Amino acid sequence: MTGIKRETVFNDLADLNLSLNLNLSSYASGTYMLRITGSGGVKVLWFVKE
C-alpha cells in the first residue's frame, strides 16, 4: 500500500519534538489521516489507499 501526500509537512521546522496521531477510522473507505503536532503548529495529512 502506498499513500498520496496532500501537503508538505516539514517546512522550516525547528522543533523536532513531534506528536503523531494516526486515525484509521475511515480506513475501510480507503483513506486515513495522520496528524503531526509540534511547537510550530499542526499538520494534517490524508492518505488514500491504492
Protein backbone atom coordinates (compact mmCIF):
# COMPACT_ATOMS: atom_id res chain seq x y z
CA MET A 1 0.00 0.00 0.00
CA THR A 2 1.24 3.45 -0.83
CA GLY A 3 -0.12 6.86 0.03
CA ILE A 4 -0.59 10.13 -1.77
CA LYS A 5 0.86 13.08 0.12
CA ARG A 6 -1.55 16.02 0.11
CA GLU A 7 0.58 18.65 1.86
CA THR A 8 4.23 19.46 2.54
CA VAL A 9 4.93 18.58 6.17
CA PHE A 10 8.36 19.77 7.24
CA ASN A 11 8.81 23.32 6.02
CA ASP A 12 11.46 25.16 8.09
CA LEU A 13 10.61 23.08 11.15
CA ALA A 14 12.84 23.98 14.10
CA ASP A 15 11.34 21.73 16.79
CA LEU A 16 11.70 18.01 16.18
CA ASN A 17 9.67 17.08 19.28
CA LEU A 18 6.55 15.97 17.46
CA SER A 19 3.35 14.24 18.48
CA LEU A 20 1.82 11.85 15.92
CA ASN A 21 -1.84 10.86 15.83
CA LEU A 22 -2.90 8.23 13.28
CA ASN A 23 -6.66 7.99 12.67
CA LEU A 24 -7.72 4.79 10.93
CA SER A 25 -11.48 5.23 11.46
CA SER A 26 -12.05 5.79 7.74
CA TYR A 27 -9.55 3.10 6.61
CA ALA A 28 -12.31 0.79 5.32
CA SER A 29 -13.43 3.53 2.91
CA GLY A 30 -9.88 3.86 1.57
CA THR A 31 -8.45 6.87 3.42
CA TYR A 32 -6.65 7.54 6.68
CA MET A 33 -5.33 10.62 8.46
CA LEU A 34 -2.03 11.40 10.16
CA ARG A 35 -1.94 14.49 12.41
CA ILE A 36 1.52 15.85 13.32
CA THR A 37 1.66 18.33 16.19
CA GLY A 38 4.72 20.34 17.23
CA SER A 39 5.65 23.75 18.55
CA GLY A 40 5.25 25.18 15.05
CA GLY A 41 1.63 24.13 14.81
CA VAL A 42 -0.33 21.21 13.39
CA LYS A 43 -0.08 19.50 10.02
CA VAL A 44 -2.71 17.04 8.81
CA LEU A 45 -2.02 14.50 6.08
CA TRP A 46 -4.67 12.43 4.35
CA PHE A 47 -3.61 9.24 2.63
CA VAL A 48 -5.57 7.29 0.03
CA LYS A 49 -5.19 3.54 -0.41
CA GLU A 50 -4.21 2.48 -3.91
